[in-house]
Amino acid sequence: MTSPLLTDDLLDRIRSRAATYDRENTFFTEDLEELTAAGYLTAFVPAAMGGPGLGLRDVAHEQIRLAGAAPATALAVNMHHVWTGVARYLYERGDHSLDFVLEEAARGEVFAFGYSEPGNDLVLFGSRTQARPDGEGGYSFHGRKIFTSLSPAWTRLGVLGIETATDDGPSLEGDPRLVHAFVTREGGGVDVLDDWDTVGMRASQSRTTLLVGAHAPADRVVRRLAPGPSTDPLVLAIFTTFEVLLASVYTGIGKRALELAVENAHRRTSMKNGGRPLSQDPDIRWRVADAGIAMDGIYPQIDQIAGEIDALVDRGAGWFTAVAGLKVRATETARVVVDQAIRVSGGSSYFASSELGRLYRDVLAGIFHPSDDESAHSTFASALLGPVED
């Protein structure tokens, strides 16, 4: 791995603020300022454009470390990294349609991901948001986006909508197209709701975003694709980058939970066993070992898949199963490991002030990100058994 952008001192400072952000349900403003100053938001920017030029495997390693200090900060920064990672993916394959993302990230712009919608389980393959053509190659977007991380800070928002001819919904004339584009905060037409009051991942401030005419000019419209599954390079780039980086964040949570379990096993003592530390108790040792075995299986999977993406390996549609499976395994493993850590650490972890208690709440968010468990199983079933017959 190249020299890390995240120093131990920086991670210590970020860790020291995480509990306060969580308790007060506030955005990680100071963290973002320090991460920006450290050049972390330019991690994917190629050296030729003035950036560090990290690959997906390197950024995944860094995200594991950041998530171990502050999961919500890592999750929100993930969404910026997704777009710069997508742009880097395309750039390395000779597609320069998103070079402007890398160039603007190098100048300090902050990107967010505005694709998720209530009731839309098609994710990249469909949309409830209207994309109304402006007659000059651009579009205005009208719809409701949810889980928009970095809501207080983003300056550029990647959005998805379905092309419409009227205000009444998708056009039935001709072939509808899914429009992938970028809008700016200063361009208007965006209403960010102050509605983020969740169980965990609170500092991410992933608020609801209403698109009420947000405009993307022609040079910021990056794809018009038919609805439904696609292996367009943009779709593959989004899917692979998103899933690998999500897996990394939750792996970081699991790694930190295991560290706390080890610390607490050495710290806690048992009157039943004459005051000896719980690290000598066979049942506790089994739990810690079980968590360690589970975590040990995830790291090489992230390295393998991210490394193949960096090496431009072409799996075609096989990438959908590869990264969906990785995301599900990583998030579910992290949940099991956090649960084991809490059992090792005892009742103190049930207090809201406990770091493990916070990790327990944060790790729950992993089940809601795409690909969720049901979607991943459907993807695998189709790949292994073929599509469901009509």
Protein backbone atom coordinates (compact mmCIF):
# COMPACT_ATOMS: atom_id res chain seq x y z
CA MET A 1 0.00 0.00 0.00
CA THR A 2 1.11 3.59 -0.65
CA SER A 3 1.77 5.93 2.26
CA PRO A 4 -1.54 6.47 4.08
CA LEU A 5 -3.29 9.83 3.87
CA LEU A 6 -4.80 9.24 7.31
CA THR A 7 -2.18 9.57 10.03
CA ASP A 8 -2.66 7.97 13.42
CA ASP A 9 -2.85 11.43 15.02
CA LEU A 10 -5.61 12.48 12.63
CA LEU A 11 -7.56 9.29 13.32
CA ASP A 12 -7.19 9.83 17.08
CA ARG A 13 -8.67 13.31 16.77
CA ILE A 14 -11.52 12.01 14.63
CA ARG A 15 -12.20 9.23 17.15
CA SER A 16 -12.30 11.77 19.98
CA ARG A 17 -15.18 13.65 18.33
CA ALA A 18 -17.32 10.70 17.21
CA ALA A 19 -19.28 10.27 20.45
CA THR A 20 -20.20 13.97 20.58
CA TYR A 21 -21.42 14.03 16.99
CA ASP A 22 -23.51 10.95 17.70
CA ARG A 23 -24.95 12.24 20.97
CA GLU A 24 -25.81 15.67 19.58
CA ASN A 25 -26.92 14.36 16.15
CA THR A 26 -24.64 16.85 14.39
CA PHE A 27 -22.63 16.77 11.18
CA PHE A 28 -18.94 15.93 11.33
CA THR A 29 -17.81 19.42 10.33
CA GLU A 30 -14.41 19.35 12.03
CA ASP A 31 -13.66 15.88 10.69
CA LEU A 32 -14.47 16.97 7.14
CA GLU A 33 -12.25 20.05 7.46
CA GLU A 34 -9.31 17.96 8.62
CA LEU A 35 -9.87 15.23 6.03
CA THR A 36 -10.02 17.87 3.30
CA ALA A 37 -6.81 19.50 4.54
CA ALA A 38 -5.11 16.09 4.53
CA GLY A 39 -6.02 15.62 0.87
CA TYR A 40 -8.23 12.65 1.64
CA LEU A 41 -11.09 13.79 -0.59
CA THR A 42 -8.71 13.74 -3.56
CA ALA A 43 -7.52 10.18 -2.86
CA PHE A 44 -8.68 8.82 -6.24
CA VAL A 45 -7.50 11.82 -8.27
CA PRO A 46 -4.68 10.65 -10.59
CA ALA A 47 -1.22 12.09 -10.14
CA ALA A 48 -1.52 13.64 -13.61
CA MET A 49 -4.37 15.79 -12.22
CA GLY A 50 -2.51 16.69 -9.04
CA GLY A 51 -3.87 13.99 -6.72
CA PRO A 52 -2.36 11.12 -4.75
CA GLY A 53 -3.53 8.60 -7.35
CA LEU A 54 -4.66 5.88 -4.92
CA GLY A 55 -6.42 2.83 -6.30
CA LEU A 56 -9.57 1.21 -4.98
CA ARG A 57 -7.65 -1.29 -2.85
CA ASP A 58 -5.70 1.50 -1.14
CA VAL A 59 -8.79 3.63 -0.51
CA ALA A 60 -10.62 0.57 0.85
CA HIS A 61 -7.80 0.07 3.36
CA GLU A 62 -8.01 3.72 4.39
CA GLN A 63 -11.78 3.50 4.78
CA ILE A 64 -11.39 0.50 7.09
CA ARG A 65 -9.11 2.61 9.28
CA LEU A 66 -11.39 5.67 9.20
CA ALA A 67 -14.47 3.59 10.03
CA GLY A 68 -12.65 2.15 13.03
CA ALA A 69 -12.35 5.69 14.37
CA ALA A 70 -15.72 7.13 13.32
CA PRO A 71 -18.14 4.96 11.30
CA ALA A 72 -20.56 7.75 10.39
CA THR A 73 -17.76 9.97 9.13
CA ALA A 74 -16.42 7.12 7.02
CA LEU A 75 -19.85 6.25 5.63
CA ALA A 76 -20.55 9.81 4.54
CA VAL A 77 -17.09 10.34 3.01
CA ASN A 78 -17.70 7.05 1.20
CA MET A 79 -20.28 8.74 -0.99
CA HIS A 80 -17.77 11.33 -2.20
CA HIS A 81 -15.25 8.54 -2.75
CA VAL A 82 -17.83 6.61 -4.75
CA TRP A 83 -18.06 9.35 -7.36
CA THR A 84 -14.35 10.05 -7.54
CA GLY A 85 -13.76 6.29 -7.62
CA VAL A 86 -16.26 5.89 -10.46
CA ALA A 87 -14.57 8.69 -12.37
CA ARG A 88 -11.18 7.04 -11.79
CA TYR A 89 -12.56 3.64 -12.91
CA LEU A 90 -13.73 5.16 -16.21
CA TYR A 91 -10.58 7.27 -16.66
CA GLU A 92 -8.36 4.19 -16.40
CA ARG A 93 -10.46 2.43 -19.05
CA GLY A 94 -10.24 5.29 -21.53
CA ASP A 95 -13.66 6.78 -20.80
CA HIS A 96 -13.28 10.47 -19.96
CA SER A 97 -16.95 11.33 -19.49
CA LEU A 98 -16.44 11.91 -15.76
CA ASP A 99 -13.00 13.53 -15.83
CA PHE A 100 -14.68 16.72 -14.63
CA VAL A 101 -15.47 14.93 -11.33
CA LEU A 102 -11.76 14.31 -10.74
CA GLU A 103 -10.84 17.83 -11.79
CA GLU A 104 -13.47 19.43 -9.56
CA ALA A 105 -12.62 17.18 -6.61
CA ALA A 106 -9.02 18.34 -6.97
CA ARG A 107 -10.33 21.91 -6.68
CA GLY A 108 -12.21 21.14 -3.48
CA GLU A 109 -15.72 20.30 -4.63
CA VAL A 110 -17.58 17.73 -2.48
CA PHE A 111 -19.68 15.12 -4.26
CA ALA A 112 -22.70 13.29 -2.89
CA PHE A 113 -24.86 10.44 -4.13
CA GLY A 114 -28.50 11.24 -4.93
CA TYR A 115 -29.86 7.97 -6.28
CA SER A 116 -31.77 6.25 -3.46
CA GLU A 117 -35.55 6.74 -3.50
CA PRO A 118 -38.42 5.55 -1.29
CA GLY A 119 -40.02 2.46 -2.72
CA ASN A 120 -37.48 2.01 -5.51
CA ASP A 121 -35.84 -1.40 -5.16
CA LEU A 122 -34.56 -1.25 -8.74
CA VAL A 123 -31.86 1.20 -7.56
CA LEU A 124 -29.63 1.80 -10.64
CA PHE A 125 -32.08 0.17 -13.02
CA GLY A 126 -35.12 2.39 -12.49
CA SER A 127 -36.23 5.69 -10.98
CA ARG A 128 -39.25 7.51 -9.63
CA THR A 129 -37.63 10.88 -10.28
CA GLN A 130 -38.63 12.80 -13.41
CA ALA A 131 -35.87 14.03 -15.70
CA ARG A 132 -37.44 16.71 -17.87
CA PRO A 133 -35.47 17.68 -21.00
CA ASP A 134 -34.70 21.37 -21.43
CA GLY A 135 -34.44 21.17 -25.22
CA GLU A 136 -30.72 21.87 -25.19
CA GLY A 137 -29.41 18.50 -24.04
CA GLY A 138 -29.83 19.21 -20.35
CA TYR A 139 -32.48 18.14 -17.83
CA SER A 140 -34.30 19.40 -14.79
CA PHE A 141 -34.95 16.84 -12.07
CA HIS A 142 -38.09 16.48 -9.97
CA GLY A 143 -38.33 13.86 -7.24
CA ARG A 144 -37.48 12.75 -3.74
CA LYS A 145 -34.10 11.26 -2.81
CA ILE A 146 -33.38 9.63 0.53
CA PHE A 147 -30.23 8.79 2.51
CA THR A 148 -28.26 11.64 0.92
CA SER A 149 -25.11 11.52 3.02
CA LEU A 150 -23.02 14.70 3.32
CA SER A 151 -26.24 16.73 3.08
CA PRO A 152 -24.87 19.82 4.88
CA ALA A 153 -21.66 19.94 2.86
CA TRP A 154 -21.98 18.64 -0.69
CA THR A 155 -21.51 21.01 -3.59
CA ARG A 156 -22.13 18.51 -6.40
CA LEU A 157 -24.88 15.88 -6.42
CA GLY A 158 -25.01 12.92 -8.79
CA VAL A 159 -28.64 12.21 -9.62
CA LEU A 160 -30.70 9.66 -11.53
CA GLY A 161 -34.11 10.19 -13.11
CA ILE A 162 -36.28 8.81 -15.89
CA GLU A 163 -36.80 11.00 -18.92
CA THR A 164 -40.29 12.45 -19.17
CA ALA A 165 -42.14 14.52 -21.72
CA THR A 166 -44.79 15.94 -19.40
CA ASP A 167 -45.32 16.76 -15.75
CA ASP A 168 -47.54 13.70 -15.39
CA GLY A 169 -44.85 11.02 -15.33
CA PRO A 170 -42.66 8.97 -17.65
CA SER A 171 -43.31 9.47 -21.32
CA LEU A 172 -45.01 6.55 -23.02
CA GLU A 173 -43.94 7.80 -26.44
CA GLY A 174 -40.66 6.39 -27.71
CA ASP A 175 -38.18 4.64 -25.46
CA PRO A 176 -37.81 6.09 -21.96
CA ARG A 177 -34.26 6.66 -20.79
CA LEU A 178 -32.65 6.73 -17.38
CA VAL A 179 -30.66 9.94 -17.12
CA HIS A 180 -27.48 10.07 -15.02
CA ALA A 181 -26.31 13.61 -14.38
CA PHE A 182 -24.82 16.06 -11.89
CA VAL A 183 -26.43 19.15 -10.39
CA THR A 184 -24.83 21.83 -8.26
CA ARG A 185 -25.96 23.23 -4.96
CA GLU A 186 -25.53 26.82 -6.12
CA GLY A 187 -27.71 26.10 -9.15
CA GLY A 188 -30.82 25.85 -6.97
CA GLY A 189 -33.80 23.55 -7.34
CA VAL A 190 -32.73 21.51 -4.31
CA ASP A 191 -34.46 21.42 -0.93
CA VAL A 192 -32.64 19.52 1.81
CA LEU A 193 -34.89 18.50 4.69
CA ASP A 194 -33.65 18.52 8.28
CA ASP A 195 -35.07 15.07 8.99
CA TRP A 196 -32.07 12.93 10.00
CA ASP A 197 -32.79 11.55 13.49
CA THR A 198 -31.83 7.89 13.35
CA VAL A 199 -30.68 5.07 15.59
CA GLY A 200 -27.11 5.15 14.28
CA MET A 201 -24.78 6.68 11.70
CA ARG A 202 -26.04 10.01 12.96
CA ALA A 203 -23.09 12.23 12.03
CA SER A 204 -23.50 11.29 8.36
CA GLN A 205 -26.59 13.55 8.26
CA SER A 206 -27.97 11.58 5.32
CA ARG A 207 -31.03 13.74 4.93
CA THR A 208 -33.90 13.62 2.46
CA THR A 209 -33.32 15.70 -0.66
CA LEU A 210 -36.17 17.14 -2.71
CA LEU A 211 -35.30 17.88 -6.32
CA VAL A 212 -37.62 20.66 -7.42
CA GLY A 213 -36.21 21.58 -10.80
CA ALA A 214 -32.51 21.10 -10.11
CA HIS A 215 -30.87 21.58 -13.49
CA ALA A 216 -28.06 19.66 -15.13
CA PRO A 217 -26.74 21.28 -18.32
CA ALA A 218 -25.83 19.10 -21.29
CA ASP A 219 -22.17 18.86 -20.31
CA ARG A 220 -23.13 17.38 -16.94
CA VAL A 221 -25.43 14.70 -18.37
CA VAL A 222 -23.19 11.64 -18.42
CA ARG A 223 -25.51 8.83 -19.57
CA ARG A 224 -28.95 8.14 -21.05
CA LEU A 225 -29.60 4.42 -20.67
CA ALA A 226 -32.56 2.11 -21.16
CA PRO A 227 -34.24 1.13 -17.88
CA GLY A 228 -33.35 -2.27 -16.54
CA PRO A 229 -30.13 -4.21 -16.00
CA SER A 230 -27.12 -2.85 -17.84
CA THR A 231 -23.42 -3.53 -18.12
CA ASP A 232 -22.67 0.00 -19.28
CA PRO A 233 -19.25 0.98 -17.88
CA LEU A 234 -20.84 3.71 -15.73
CA VAL A 235 -23.24 1.24 -14.13
CA LEU A 236 -20.46 -1.27 -13.49
CA ALA A 237 -18.27 1.49 -12.08
CA ILE A 238 -20.96 2.69 -9.67
CA PHE A 239 -21.94 -0.80 -8.56
CA THR A 240 -18.43 -2.11 -7.98
CA THR A 241 -17.02 1.01 -6.32
CA PHE A 242 -20.07 1.51 -4.11
CA GLU A 243 -20.15 -2.08 -2.86
CA VAL A 244 -16.41 -2.42 -2.20
CA LEU A 245 -16.24 0.82 -0.24
CA LEU A 246 -19.37 -0.07 1.75
CA ALA A 247 -17.84 -3.43 2.62
CA SER A 248 -14.74 -1.57 3.79
CA VAL A 249 -16.65 0.74 6.15
CA TYR A 250 -18.46 -2.12 7.86
CA THR A 251 -15.27 -4.15 8.00
CA GLY A 252 -13.73 -1.22 9.85
CA ILE A 253 -16.59 -1.37 12.37
CA GLY A 254 -16.05 -5.10 12.88
CA LYS A 255 -12.30 -4.63 13.26
CA ARG A 256 -12.78 -1.96 15.93
CA ALA A 257 -15.36 -4.05 17.79
CA LEU A 258 -12.91 -6.94 17.91
CA GLU A 259 -10.21 -4.64 19.31
CA LEU A 260 -12.59 -3.50 22.05
CA ALA A 261 -13.57 -7.08 22.82
CA VAL A 262 -9.90 -7.98 23.35
CA GLU A 263 -9.32 -4.93 25.55
CA ASN A 264 -12.40 -5.62 27.64
CA ALA A 265 -11.62 -9.32 28.02
CA HIS A 266 -8.26 -8.38 29.54
CA ARG A 267 -9.76 -5.60 31.70
CA ARG A 268 -12.80 -7.39 33.14
CA THR A 269 -12.38 -9.89 35.93
CA SER A 270 -14.48 -12.77 37.24
CA MET A 271 -15.23 -13.28 40.93
CA LYS A 272 -16.30 -16.82 40.06
CA ASN A 273 -12.77 -17.53 38.86
CA GLY A 274 -10.94 -15.91 41.73
CA GLY A 275 -10.53 -12.47 40.19
CA ARG A 276 -8.80 -13.70 37.07
CA PRO A 277 -9.33 -11.66 33.88
CA LEU A 278 -12.04 -12.85 31.53
CA SER A 279 -9.36 -13.37 28.90
CA GLN A 280 -8.70 -16.64 30.78
CA ASP A 281 -12.32 -17.77 30.69
CA PRO A 282 -12.84 -20.55 28.07
CA ASP A 283 -16.25 -19.25 26.97
CA ILE A 284 -15.00 -15.69 26.52
CA ARG A 285 -11.92 -16.91 24.69
CA TRP A 286 -14.18 -18.85 22.31
CA ARG A 287 -16.30 -15.77 21.58
CA VAL A 288 -13.27 -13.59 20.86
CA ALA A 289 -11.73 -16.30 18.69
CA ASP A 290 -15.00 -16.78 16.82
CA ALA A 291 -15.12 -13.05 16.06
CA GLY A 292 -11.50 -13.11 14.96
CA ILE A 293 -12.09 -16.03 12.60
CA ALA A 294 -15.05 -14.23 11.04
CA MET A 295 -13.10 -11.00 10.52
CA ASP A 296 -10.08 -12.80 9.11
CA GLY A 297 -12.16 -14.05 6.20
CA ILE A 298 -13.24 -10.60 5.01
CA TYR A 299 -9.92 -8.78 4.53
CA PRO A 300 -8.64 -11.01 1.69
CA GLN A 301 -11.99 -10.77 -0.08
CA ILE A 302 -11.78 -6.97 -0.15
CA ASP A 303 -8.18 -7.13 -1.33
CA GLN A 304 -8.95 -9.66 -4.06
CA ILE A 305 -11.96 -7.89 -5.52
CA ALA A 306 -10.59 -4.35 -5.21
CA GLY A 307 -7.27 -5.53 -6.62
CA GLU A 308 -8.97 -7.05 -9.66
CA ILE A 309 -10.84 -3.81 -10.29
CA ASP A 310 -7.57 -1.86 -10.04
CA ALA A 311 -6.00 -4.34 -12.48
CA LEU A 312 -8.83 -3.76 -15.00
CA VAL A 313 -10.00 -7.38 -14.84
CA ASP A 314 -13.13 -7.81 -16.96
CA ARG A 315 -15.75 -10.05 -15.32
CA GLY A 316 -18.59 -8.49 -17.28
CA ALA A 317 -21.94 -9.10 -15.60
CA GLY A 318 -20.12 -11.35 -13.13
CA TRP A 319 -19.13 -8.23 -11.23
CA PHE A 320 -22.71 -7.87 -9.95
CA THR A 321 -22.58 -11.14 -8.03
CA ALA A 322 -18.97 -10.62 -6.95
CA VAL A 323 -19.48 -7.29 -5.25
CA ALA A 324 -23.06 -7.86 -4.03
CA GLY A 325 -21.84 -10.97 -2.25
CA LEU A 326 -18.89 -9.11 -0.78
CA LYS A 327 -21.11 -6.34 0.57
CA VAL A 328 -23.55 -8.76 2.20
CA ARG A 329 -20.81 -10.91 3.72
CA ALA A 330 -18.96 -7.88 5.08
CA THR A 331 -21.99 -6.19 6.63
CA GLU A 332 -23.40 -9.40 8.11
CA THR A 333 -20.00 -10.40 9.48
CA ALA A 334 -19.61 -7.00 11.11
CA ARG A 335 -23.00 -7.37 12.81
CA VAL A 336 -22.04 -10.77 14.21
CA VAL A 337 -18.66 -9.52 15.41
CA VAL A 338 -20.16 -6.46 17.14
CA ASP A 339 -22.68 -8.73 18.83
CA GLN A 340 -19.91 -11.05 20.06
CA ALA A 341 -17.91 -8.06 21.30
CA ILE A 342 -20.88 -6.83 23.32
CA ARG A 343 -21.38 -10.26 24.87
CA VAL A 344 -17.70 -10.30 25.84
CA SER A 345 -17.79 -6.77 27.22
CA GLY A 346 -20.87 -7.08 29.41
CA GLY A 347 -23.59 -4.69 30.50
CA SER A 348 -21.47 -1.54 30.28
CA SER A 349 -21.80 -1.69 26.50
CA TYR A 350 -25.55 -1.19 26.85
CA PHE A 351 -25.02 2.41 27.96
CA ALA A 352 -25.39 5.09 25.30
CA SER A 353 -21.98 6.47 26.23
CA SER A 354 -20.27 3.18 25.33
CA GLU A 355 -18.31 3.04 22.08
CA LEU A 356 -19.49 -0.52 21.57
CA GLY A 357 -23.07 0.60 22.12
CA ARG A 358 -22.60 3.16 19.35
CA LEU A 359 -21.02 0.59 17.04
CA TYR A 360 -23.99 -1.69 17.72
CA ARG A 361 -26.32 1.03 16.45
CA ASP A 362 -24.08 2.08 13.56
CA VAL A 363 -23.56 -1.42 12.21
CA LEU A 364 -27.32 -1.92 11.85
CA ALA A 365 -27.34 0.51 8.91
CA GLY A 366 -25.49 -2.07 6.84
CA ILE A 367 -28.66 -4.06 6.19
CA PHE A 368 -30.33 -1.11 4.44
CA HIS A 369 -27.70 -0.27 1.83
CA PRO A 370 -27.96 -1.78 -1.61
CA SER A 371 -27.45 -4.55 -2.32
CA ASP A 372 -29.61 -5.69 0.56
CA ASP A 373 -29.80 -9.36 1.52
CA GLU A 374 -32.85 -10.07 -0.65
CA SER A 375 -31.44 -8.29 -3.70
CA ALA A 376 -28.09 -10.07 -3.42
CA HIS A 377 -29.78 -13.46 -3.18
CA SER A 378 -31.95 -12.64 -6.19
CA THR A 379 -28.85 -11.64 -8.15
CA PHE A 380 -27.11 -14.89 -7.28
CA ALA A 381 -30.21 -16.98 -7.97
CA SER A 382 -30.54 -15.47 -11.44
CA ALA A 383 -26.87 -16.03 -12.15
CA LEU A 384 -26.93 -19.65 -10.95
CA LEU A 385 -30.43 -20.78 -11.91
CA GLY A 386 -31.45 -18.40 -14.65
CA PRO A 387 -34.31 -15.88 -14.51
CA VAL A 388 -37.68 -16.70 -13.00
CA GLU A 389 -40.00 -17.98 -15.72
CA ASP A 390 -43.09 -15.95 -16.62
